[in-house]
Each structure stands twice: as C-alpha cells, then as structure tokens.
Amino acid sequence: MLTYELLAADGDARRGKVTTDRGTYETPVFMPVGTRGVVVHLDSTDYEALGAEVVLANTYHLMLRPGADVVEELGGLHHFSAWSGHMLTDSGGYQVMSLSPKIDDDGVTFKSTYDGSPARLTPQSATSIQEQLGADIAMVLDICPSLPSSTDEVKRAMATTHRWAELARTAHTSTGQAQFGIVQGGIEPQLRRESGAVLAGLDFPGYGIGGLSVGETRDEMLPALRAALEMLPADKPRYLMGVGDPVSIVEAVAAGVDMFDCVLPTRLARHGTVLTRRGRVNLRRAEFARDPAPLDPDVAVSSRWSKGYLRHLLQVKEPTAARILTLHNLSYLFDLISRTRQAIEAGALDDVRAEVATVWS
C-alpha cells in the first residue's frame, strides 16, 4: 500500500522514494496546501507545470463544502480537481486548534465556518470522510495544542491523540489509501519520545509530527522534533506538519524529515511577499516602484516581469499579482527541495544549510 525506499543519506538526512498504489514521489518533498480542493489562485495544470508531486486538501472544509458525498460521487478528489498526482488529506486536527471547537472524549463539535451549523468529527468519521474523499494518504484525527501550553494540557492532548489514533487505525478500511499517525507532545523531548513510541507501536504506514510551528521558537522546535524522530521507524516516511520557512525546512531535512506542507508560501504571496535566494522581499515597498529587475533571476516562472510591474498589480489589487507571486513562491520552495535532494546525494547538505542560514533568520 505504501513503501519507503532510502536512496541516499547524509548524516541523518534522507533522500528517498515513496511508492503508493498511485505511483511514486521523491523525498524530501514539499506539498502545497489546497484547503478547499485547490491551491488558491492555481489549478492542477499549474501543479503539473511547477513539478508538484503531492498536494494537500482539508477534511474539515471539504466535508462542509461541497460535502464528502459530493466529492465521492464526482469521482473522488483526483477526478474532482483534475489532478493525477498524489493527494494527502489532513484530518481536521489543525482546526481543532485554530477554531476552538468543543472537545469531548469521543471527538469534537464545531460551528461551521460557513453557516454556523454544528459539525462533528470523531476519529472514526474523520477516517471514513477521508476514505470518501479518496486521498492517497489520510491523517488520523489528533489534538494539536497551541504553544505555549502547560505540561498538563500537552499531556492530555497527547493521551487523547494516542487513543484516537487506535480508533482511527481500527476504523480505516481502504486498501488503496495509506493512513498516517501523528506524534504530539509539545516541545518537551521526553513527551515526544513517549508519543513517538506509542505511534510507532500502532504500525502506521507513515508518521506525521504535529503540534510544532504553533507558537514556539525554532530553538524549541528542533530538539522536540529530533526526539520524536528517534522513536519512528527508519523504513517509513516522516512528515513534519505545517512547517514551511526555508531554515526550518532545511534543518528538519538534516534531522531526517521527508515531507513538509505549509500555507506560508501561498499566504505570503497573497500579501505581496516573495521568497528569494537573497531573503524575503516585501514587494509593496515604495523602493520597488521603478525597479526593472525580476523578483529573483534564479526563479524562471516569474522572471519575465519586473518588480515595478508586479508592485503596480498589487497596488491596484489586480488578482494576477497574487497568482504570479504564488507561482513564484512555490517554485522557490520546490527548487530549495531539489537542491537539498542533490546535496544529500553529494554528501553536501551542510553547504545548503549554511547558504540558507545566511539570508533567512
């Protein structure tokens, strides 16, 4: 159903290949977030042109609009969105943190963000909804506490996540879909080790590391991440959820992470900020009004337009600007991932880490 093959290593960093019923994708991999079944401002032809290998969709939003039954009737997420590559669905666990629903022993009850009506998710229903959606990889429902949180809060969330993971594992019946468990535990390395051990014992095809990049510093995040990775099997993919800044990606790759997702590159683009090899650029600044240079000469997808022109589009609220900047930011991150793959194969990942660290804080 899902296998991981190690192709090269540089210290703890891994260069690999994941094979599913749909095909293969290379790791490390960055996965753009298409919350409602599409990456904002893009479509599946853009994913293909960019070289995306895996795209995310959101269980919570799709179960409300248009409904999992509608997606299933229209052929599942791949046919629905006209995307033949891999798709991963999150479980709604992030919304448990961001929307503050009512949590009980059996699940969570939301007020719909669309019409205020009650919406319920349990470990079992989140599993069955994702089977209806037809993703290649589905995540278990978890509790992701924001940070800082007390140790007691983190322990309670972790215990619930473990119990729900068992329920989701039992409920999962799709033979063509891989289900990933999620490690929690806040920023305390020992709790991360405990959680990693419990999840590894459930023998999932792959593992997410959740509850990081939710308020803590990078110096707090990385020791917790490494502690979780110590406990996870080496022959299965490891996915650091919701992390997308260049330094954190490269440092997590060095620690042994295979998969990443984040709304950062697309959200920044919509607000006029671009990622470049020279650092972050806020294109709304007046200094770029007459700038004839491209955003980044190393990013071909946006190189035909000047900073001055793109700033003008932003100033007049032309949606084309957000589309071009979204393509740019994703292209930058895909190139960064490609360079990490090449560096691992060459035993030179430290060179990429040093390069990224000089321009990104």
Protein backbone atom coordinates (compact mmCIF):
# COMPACT_ATOMS: atom_id res chain seq x y z
CA MET A 1 0.00 0.00 0.00
CA LEU A 2 2.86 2.40 0.80
CA THR A 3 6.60 1.75 0.95
CA TYR A 4 9.63 3.93 1.58
CA GLU A 5 12.96 3.32 -0.16
CA LEU A 6 16.13 5.02 1.03
CA LEU A 7 18.22 6.20 -1.94
CA ALA A 8 20.94 8.21 -0.19
CA ALA A 9 21.83 9.65 3.21
CA ASP A 10 23.97 12.47 4.59
CA GLY A 11 24.14 12.07 8.35
CA ASP A 12 20.51 11.81 9.45
CA ALA A 13 19.23 13.46 6.26
CA ARG A 14 17.43 11.09 3.89
CA ARG A 15 16.91 11.06 0.15
CA GLY A 16 14.18 8.60 -0.67
CA LYS A 17 11.26 7.44 -2.75
CA VAL A 18 7.72 6.66 -1.58
CA THR A 19 5.64 4.20 -3.58
CA THR A 20 1.85 4.03 -3.30
CA ASP A 21 -0.95 2.47 -5.32
CA ARG A 22 -0.91 5.67 -7.41
CA GLY A 23 2.80 5.65 -8.20
CA THR A 24 5.89 7.21 -6.64
CA TYR A 25 7.04 10.53 -5.29
CA GLU A 26 10.53 11.63 -4.31
CA THR A 27 11.62 12.84 -0.88
CA PRO A 28 12.30 15.26 0.65
CA VAL A 29 9.08 16.74 -0.71
CA PHE A 30 7.18 19.99 -0.15
CA MET A 31 3.40 19.68 -0.51
CA PRO A 32 1.34 22.80 -1.39
CA VAL A 33 -1.85 23.26 0.63
CA GLY A 34 -5.12 23.24 -1.32
CA THR A 35 -7.50 23.66 1.59
CA ARG A 36 -10.79 23.55 -0.32
CA GLY A 37 -9.57 21.26 -3.07
CA VAL A 38 -7.36 23.83 -4.81
CA VAL A 39 -4.26 25.90 -4.03
CA VAL A 40 -5.56 29.48 -4.00
CA HIS A 41 -5.08 31.19 -7.40
CA LEU A 42 -3.80 27.99 -9.04
CA ASP A 43 -5.21 24.85 -10.65
CA SER A 44 -3.99 21.36 -11.48
CA THR A 45 -2.27 22.46 -14.70
CA ASP A 46 -0.16 24.79 -12.56
CA TYR A 47 0.75 21.92 -10.22
CA GLU A 48 1.98 19.97 -13.22
CA ALA A 49 3.98 22.89 -14.63
CA LEU A 50 5.60 23.53 -11.24
CA GLY A 51 6.51 19.87 -10.77
CA ALA A 52 4.41 19.33 -7.65
CA GLU A 53 4.27 15.70 -6.56
CA VAL A 54 1.81 15.79 -3.64
CA VAL A 55 -0.97 18.32 -2.91
CA LEU A 56 -2.97 18.66 0.32
CA ALA A 57 -6.68 19.09 0.88
CA ASN A 58 -8.61 19.74 4.08
CA THR A 59 -11.11 17.26 5.54
CA TYR A 60 -12.97 19.80 7.68
CA HIS A 61 -13.63 22.24 4.85
CA LEU A 62 -14.47 19.65 2.22
CA MET A 63 -16.92 17.81 4.46
CA LEU A 64 -18.83 21.12 4.79
CA ARG A 65 -18.48 22.37 1.21
CA PRO A 66 -19.30 20.64 -1.09
CA GLY A 67 -19.60 17.57 1.18
CA ALA A 68 -17.66 14.32 1.09
CA ASP A 69 -20.57 12.57 -0.61
CA VAL A 70 -20.48 15.08 -3.47
CA VAL A 71 -16.72 14.65 -3.94
CA GLU A 72 -17.14 10.87 -3.88
CA GLU A 73 -19.99 10.99 -6.42
CA LEU A 74 -17.86 13.14 -8.72
CA GLY A 75 -15.05 10.58 -8.73
CA GLY A 76 -13.04 11.45 -5.62
CA LEU A 77 -10.57 14.28 -5.10
CA HIS A 78 -8.35 13.40 -8.05
CA HIS A 79 -11.13 13.38 -10.62
CA PHE A 80 -12.93 16.24 -8.87
CA SER A 81 -9.88 18.53 -9.12
CA ALA A 82 -8.44 17.04 -12.35
CA TRP A 83 -5.15 16.19 -10.63
CA SER A 84 -3.47 12.86 -11.28
CA GLY A 85 -0.63 13.30 -8.78
CA HIS A 86 -0.69 12.28 -5.14
CA MET A 87 -3.08 13.85 -2.66
CA LEU A 88 -2.91 13.94 1.13
CA THR A 89 -5.84 14.96 3.32
CA ASP A 90 -5.38 16.30 6.81
CA SER A 91 -7.94 15.18 9.36
CA GLY A 92 -9.30 18.46 10.70
CA GLY A 93 -6.87 18.34 13.61
CA TYR A 94 -5.47 21.78 12.83
CA GLN A 95 -9.00 23.22 13.00
CA VAL A 96 -9.29 21.68 16.47
CA MET A 97 -6.58 24.17 17.46
CA SER A 98 -7.49 27.13 15.27
CA LEU A 99 -11.31 27.14 15.61
CA SER A 100 -11.59 26.20 19.32
CA PRO A 101 -14.42 23.65 19.00
CA LYS A 102 -15.94 21.75 21.91
CA ILE A 103 -13.76 18.71 22.62
CA ASP A 104 -15.05 15.61 24.39
CA ASP A 105 -13.74 12.09 24.86
CA ASP A 106 -15.22 10.89 21.58
CA GLY A 107 -14.50 13.78 19.20
CA VAL A 108 -15.01 17.47 18.50
CA THR A 109 -18.04 19.61 17.67
CA PHE A 110 -17.52 22.72 15.54
CA LYS A 111 -19.70 25.59 14.47
CA SER A 112 -19.47 25.62 10.69
CA THR A 113 -17.37 28.48 9.38
CA TYR A 114 -19.90 28.77 6.54
CA ASP A 115 -23.30 28.93 8.22
CA GLY A 116 -22.77 28.35 11.95
CA SER A 117 -24.46 24.95 11.96
CA PRO A 118 -22.96 22.19 14.16
CA ALA A 119 -20.36 19.95 12.54
CA ARG A 120 -18.98 16.85 14.24
CA LEU A 121 -15.70 14.99 13.76
CA THR A 122 -14.64 11.82 15.54
CA PRO A 123 -11.62 9.61 14.89
CA GLN A 124 -13.91 7.22 13.04
CA SER A 125 -15.81 9.82 10.99
CA ALA A 126 -12.62 11.69 10.04
CA THR A 127 -11.33 8.35 8.76
CA SER A 128 -14.45 7.49 6.77
CA ILE A 129 -14.72 11.01 5.29
CA GLN A 130 -11.15 10.78 4.03
CA GLU A 131 -11.92 7.40 2.51
CA GLN A 132 -14.83 9.03 0.68
CA LEU A 133 -12.59 11.88 -0.50
CA GLY A 134 -10.22 9.29 -1.93
CA ALA A 135 -6.87 10.75 -0.93
CA ASP A 136 -3.75 8.62 -1.30
CA ILE A 137 -2.65 9.48 2.25
CA ALA A 138 -5.01 10.26 5.13
CA MET A 139 -4.15 11.62 8.56
CA VAL A 140 -5.69 10.49 11.84
CA LEU A 141 -7.68 12.99 13.90
CA ASP A 142 -5.50 14.46 16.65
CA ILE A 143 -5.43 17.21 19.26
CA CYS A 144 -2.87 19.89 18.47
CA PRO A 145 -2.39 22.26 21.43
CA SER A 146 -1.12 25.73 20.67
CA LEU A 147 2.14 26.75 22.32
CA PRO A 148 2.87 27.80 24.93
CA SER A 149 0.59 25.37 26.78
CA SER A 150 1.04 23.85 30.23
CA THR A 151 2.60 20.42 30.54
CA ASP A 152 -0.72 19.07 31.80
CA GLU A 153 -2.54 20.39 28.72
CA VAL A 154 0.07 18.89 26.41
CA LYS A 155 -0.13 15.53 28.19
CA ARG A 156 -3.94 15.46 27.96
CA ALA A 157 -3.83 16.29 24.26
CA MET A 158 -1.20 13.63 23.70
CA ALA A 159 -3.17 10.95 25.55
CA THR A 160 -6.31 11.76 23.56
CA THR A 161 -4.33 11.73 20.32
CA HIS A 162 -2.99 8.25 21.15
CA ARG A 163 -6.43 6.87 21.97
CA TRP A 164 -7.97 8.40 18.86
CA ALA A 165 -5.11 7.02 16.74
CA GLU A 166 -6.03 3.49 17.84
CA LEU A 167 -9.68 4.11 16.99
CA ALA A 168 -8.80 5.55 13.60
CA ARG A 169 -6.45 2.66 12.86
CA THR A 170 -9.26 0.19 13.55
CA ALA A 171 -11.80 2.21 11.53
CA HIS A 172 -9.61 2.50 8.44
CA THR A 173 -10.67 0.02 5.74
CA SER A 174 -9.48 1.47 2.42
CA THR A 175 -6.86 -0.78 0.85
CA GLY A 176 -5.80 1.89 -1.63
CA GLN A 177 -5.19 4.61 0.95
CA ALA A 178 -2.32 4.89 3.43
CA GLN A 179 -3.15 6.22 6.90
CA PHE A 180 -0.54 8.16 8.88
CA GLY A 181 -0.43 8.51 12.66
CA ILE A 182 0.52 11.82 14.28
CA VAL A 183 3.05 12.35 17.07
CA GLN A 184 2.26 15.05 19.64
CA GLY A 185 3.99 16.13 22.87
CA GLY A 186 4.65 19.85 22.67
CA ILE A 187 8.25 20.99 22.99
CA GLU A 188 9.27 18.52 25.71
CA PRO A 189 11.64 15.94 24.21
CA GLN A 190 10.64 13.20 26.64
CA LEU A 191 6.96 13.59 25.80
CA ARG A 192 7.85 13.50 22.11
CA ARG A 193 9.74 10.24 22.67
CA GLU A 194 6.78 8.76 24.54
CA SER A 195 4.37 9.77 21.81
CA GLY A 196 6.67 8.53 19.05
CA ALA A 197 6.96 5.15 20.76
CA VAL A 198 3.18 4.79 21.12
CA LEU A 199 2.50 5.72 17.50
CA ALA A 200 5.29 3.50 16.19
CA GLY A 201 3.71 0.63 18.11
CA LEU A 202 0.50 1.07 16.10
CA ASP A 203 2.45 0.29 12.91
CA PHE A 204 1.13 3.02 10.62
CA PRO A 205 2.49 3.19 7.03
CA GLY A 206 3.88 6.65 7.82
CA TYR A 207 4.00 9.26 10.57
CA GLY A 208 3.25 12.93 10.95
CA ILE A 209 4.92 15.07 13.58
CA GLY A 210 2.24 17.59 14.58
CA GLY A 211 1.94 20.37 17.12
CA LEU A 212 5.12 22.20 16.09
CA SER A 213 5.44 25.62 14.46
CA VAL A 214 2.41 26.64 16.54
CA GLY A 215 3.97 29.35 18.69
CA GLU A 216 7.34 28.01 19.79
CA THR A 217 10.76 29.20 18.62
CA ARG A 218 12.86 27.18 16.19
CA ASP A 219 15.35 26.51 19.01
CA GLU A 220 12.48 24.92 20.95
CA MET A 221 11.08 23.08 17.95
CA LEU A 222 14.17 21.25 16.72
CA PRO A 223 15.04 19.30 19.91
CA ALA A 224 11.41 18.17 20.20
CA LEU A 225 11.43 17.14 16.54
CA ARG A 226 14.64 15.15 16.88
CA ALA A 227 13.29 13.37 19.97
CA ALA A 228 10.19 12.27 18.04
CA LEU A 229 12.26 11.10 15.07
CA GLU A 230 14.40 8.92 17.37
CA MET A 231 11.36 6.73 18.01
CA LEU A 232 9.94 6.46 14.50
CA PRO A 233 10.85 3.56 12.18
CA ALA A 234 13.52 4.32 9.60
CA ASP A 235 11.73 2.43 6.84
CA LYS A 236 8.65 4.68 6.82
CA PRO A 237 8.16 8.32 5.77
CA ARG A 238 8.23 11.12 8.38
CA TYR A 239 6.11 14.21 7.78
CA LEU A 240 6.64 17.49 9.68
CA MET A 241 3.23 19.12 9.54
CA GLY A 242 2.72 22.84 8.88
CA VAL A 243 6.37 23.91 8.59
CA GLY A 244 7.39 25.91 5.54
CA ASP A 245 10.03 28.54 6.27
CA PRO A 246 13.33 27.81 4.46
CA VAL A 247 15.57 27.48 7.52
CA SER A 248 13.18 25.16 9.35
CA ILE A 249 12.75 23.00 6.24
CA VAL A 250 16.48 22.58 5.71
CA GLU A 251 17.17 21.94 9.39
CA ALA A 252 14.34 19.41 9.58
CA VAL A 253 15.67 17.65 6.47
CA ALA A 254 19.03 17.44 8.24
CA ALA A 255 17.27 15.81 11.20
CA GLY A 256 15.64 13.16 8.99
CA VAL A 257 12.25 14.55 7.90
CA ASP A 258 10.91 13.51 4.48
CA MET A 259 7.70 15.50 3.92
CA PHE A 260 6.55 19.09 4.53
CA ASP A 261 3.47 21.23 3.98
CA CYS A 262 2.62 24.81 4.84
CA VAL A 263 0.35 27.67 3.78
CA LEU A 264 3.25 30.12 4.27
CA PRO A 265 4.39 30.49 0.63
CA THR A 266 0.88 30.97 -0.75
CA ARG A 267 -0.32 33.19 2.09
CA LEU A 268 2.74 35.44 1.83
CA ALA A 269 2.21 35.70 -1.92
CA ARG A 270 -1.34 36.94 -1.48
CA HIS A 271 0.02 39.72 0.73
CA GLY A 272 2.81 40.78 -1.61
CA THR A 273 5.79 38.99 -0.03
CA VAL A 274 8.14 36.83 -2.07
CA LEU A 275 10.76 34.24 -1.15
CA THR A 276 14.14 34.54 -2.86
CA ARG A 277 17.68 33.23 -2.50
CA ARG A 278 18.51 36.64 -1.11
CA GLY A 279 15.81 36.54 1.55
CA ARG A 280 12.24 37.73 1.96
CA VAL A 281 11.09 40.71 -0.12
CA ASN A 282 8.01 42.83 0.60
CA LEU A 283 7.08 43.94 -2.89
CA ARG A 284 4.67 46.61 -1.61
CA ARG A 285 7.57 48.80 -0.50
CA ALA A 286 7.93 52.05 -2.48
CA GLU A 287 11.56 51.31 -3.36
CA PHE A 288 10.38 48.74 -5.93
CA ALA A 289 8.04 51.10 -7.85
CA ARG A 290 10.62 51.73 -10.60
CA ASP A 291 12.67 48.55 -10.24
CA PRO A 292 13.20 46.87 -13.65
CA ALA A 293 14.70 43.66 -12.21
CA PRO A 294 12.81 40.37 -11.81
CA LEU A 295 11.87 39.08 -8.36
CA ASP A 296 14.70 36.56 -8.42
CA PRO A 297 16.77 35.71 -11.52
CA ASP A 298 17.00 32.12 -10.25
CA VAL A 299 13.21 31.62 -10.39
CA ALA A 300 12.21 31.32 -14.04
CA VAL A 301 8.43 31.21 -13.54
CA SER A 302 8.30 34.93 -12.64
CA SER A 303 11.40 36.27 -14.39
CA ARG A 304 9.62 37.88 -17.37
CA TRP A 305 8.01 40.55 -15.15
CA SER A 306 9.75 43.38 -13.32
CA LYS A 307 9.37 44.17 -9.65
CA GLY A 308 7.93 47.52 -10.69
CA TYR A 309 5.19 45.91 -12.78
CA LEU A 310 4.27 43.35 -10.13
CA ARG A 311 4.19 46.03 -7.45
CA HIS A 312 1.81 48.03 -9.67
CA LEU A 313 -0.51 44.99 -9.93
CA LEU A 314 -0.50 44.68 -6.16
CA GLN A 315 -1.23 48.39 -5.69
CA VAL A 316 -4.28 48.26 -7.97
CA LYS A 317 -5.44 44.98 -6.39
CA GLU A 318 -5.16 43.02 -9.63
CA PRO A 319 -5.57 39.28 -8.80
CA THR A 320 -2.93 38.42 -11.40
CA ALA A 321 -0.29 39.65 -8.95
CA ALA A 322 -1.25 37.09 -6.30
CA ARG A 323 -1.24 34.33 -8.92
CA ILE A 324 2.26 35.20 -10.20
CA LEU A 325 3.67 35.57 -6.69
CA THR A 326 2.09 32.25 -5.63
CA LEU A 327 3.73 30.52 -8.60
CA HIS A 328 6.99 32.23 -7.69
CA ASN A 329 7.00 31.26 -4.02
CA LEU A 330 6.12 27.62 -4.69
CA SER A 331 8.75 27.46 -7.42
CA TYR A 332 11.33 28.82 -4.98
CA LEU A 333 10.49 26.15 -2.39
CA PHE A 334 10.44 23.35 -4.96
CA ASP A 335 13.90 24.49 -6.09
CA LEU A 336 15.10 24.55 -2.47
CA ILE A 337 13.84 20.99 -2.00
CA SER A 338 15.53 19.92 -5.24
CA ARG A 339 18.81 21.37 -4.01
CA THR A 340 18.51 19.51 -0.70
CA ARG A 341 17.98 16.24 -2.60
CA GLN A 342 21.06 16.86 -4.71
CA ALA A 343 23.08 17.90 -1.67
CA ILE A 344 22.16 14.74 0.25
CA GLU A 345 23.25 12.63 -2.70
CA ALA A 346 26.55 14.53 -2.82
CA GLY A 347 27.08 14.46 0.95
CA ALA A 348 26.97 18.27 0.97
CA LEU A 349 23.77 19.20 2.81
CA ASP A 350 25.73 21.36 5.26
CA ASP A 351 26.56 23.69 2.35
CA VAL A 352 22.86 24.28 1.66
CA ARG A 353 22.17 24.73 5.38
CA ALA A 354 24.87 27.40 5.60
CA GLU A 355 23.66 29.15 2.45
CA VAL A 356 20.06 29.30 3.66
CA ALA A 357 21.07 30.40 7.16
CA THR A 358 22.98 33.42 5.81
CA VAL A 359 19.85 35.01 4.30
CA TRP A 360 16.99 33.61 6.41
CA SER A 361 16.62 34.07 10.17
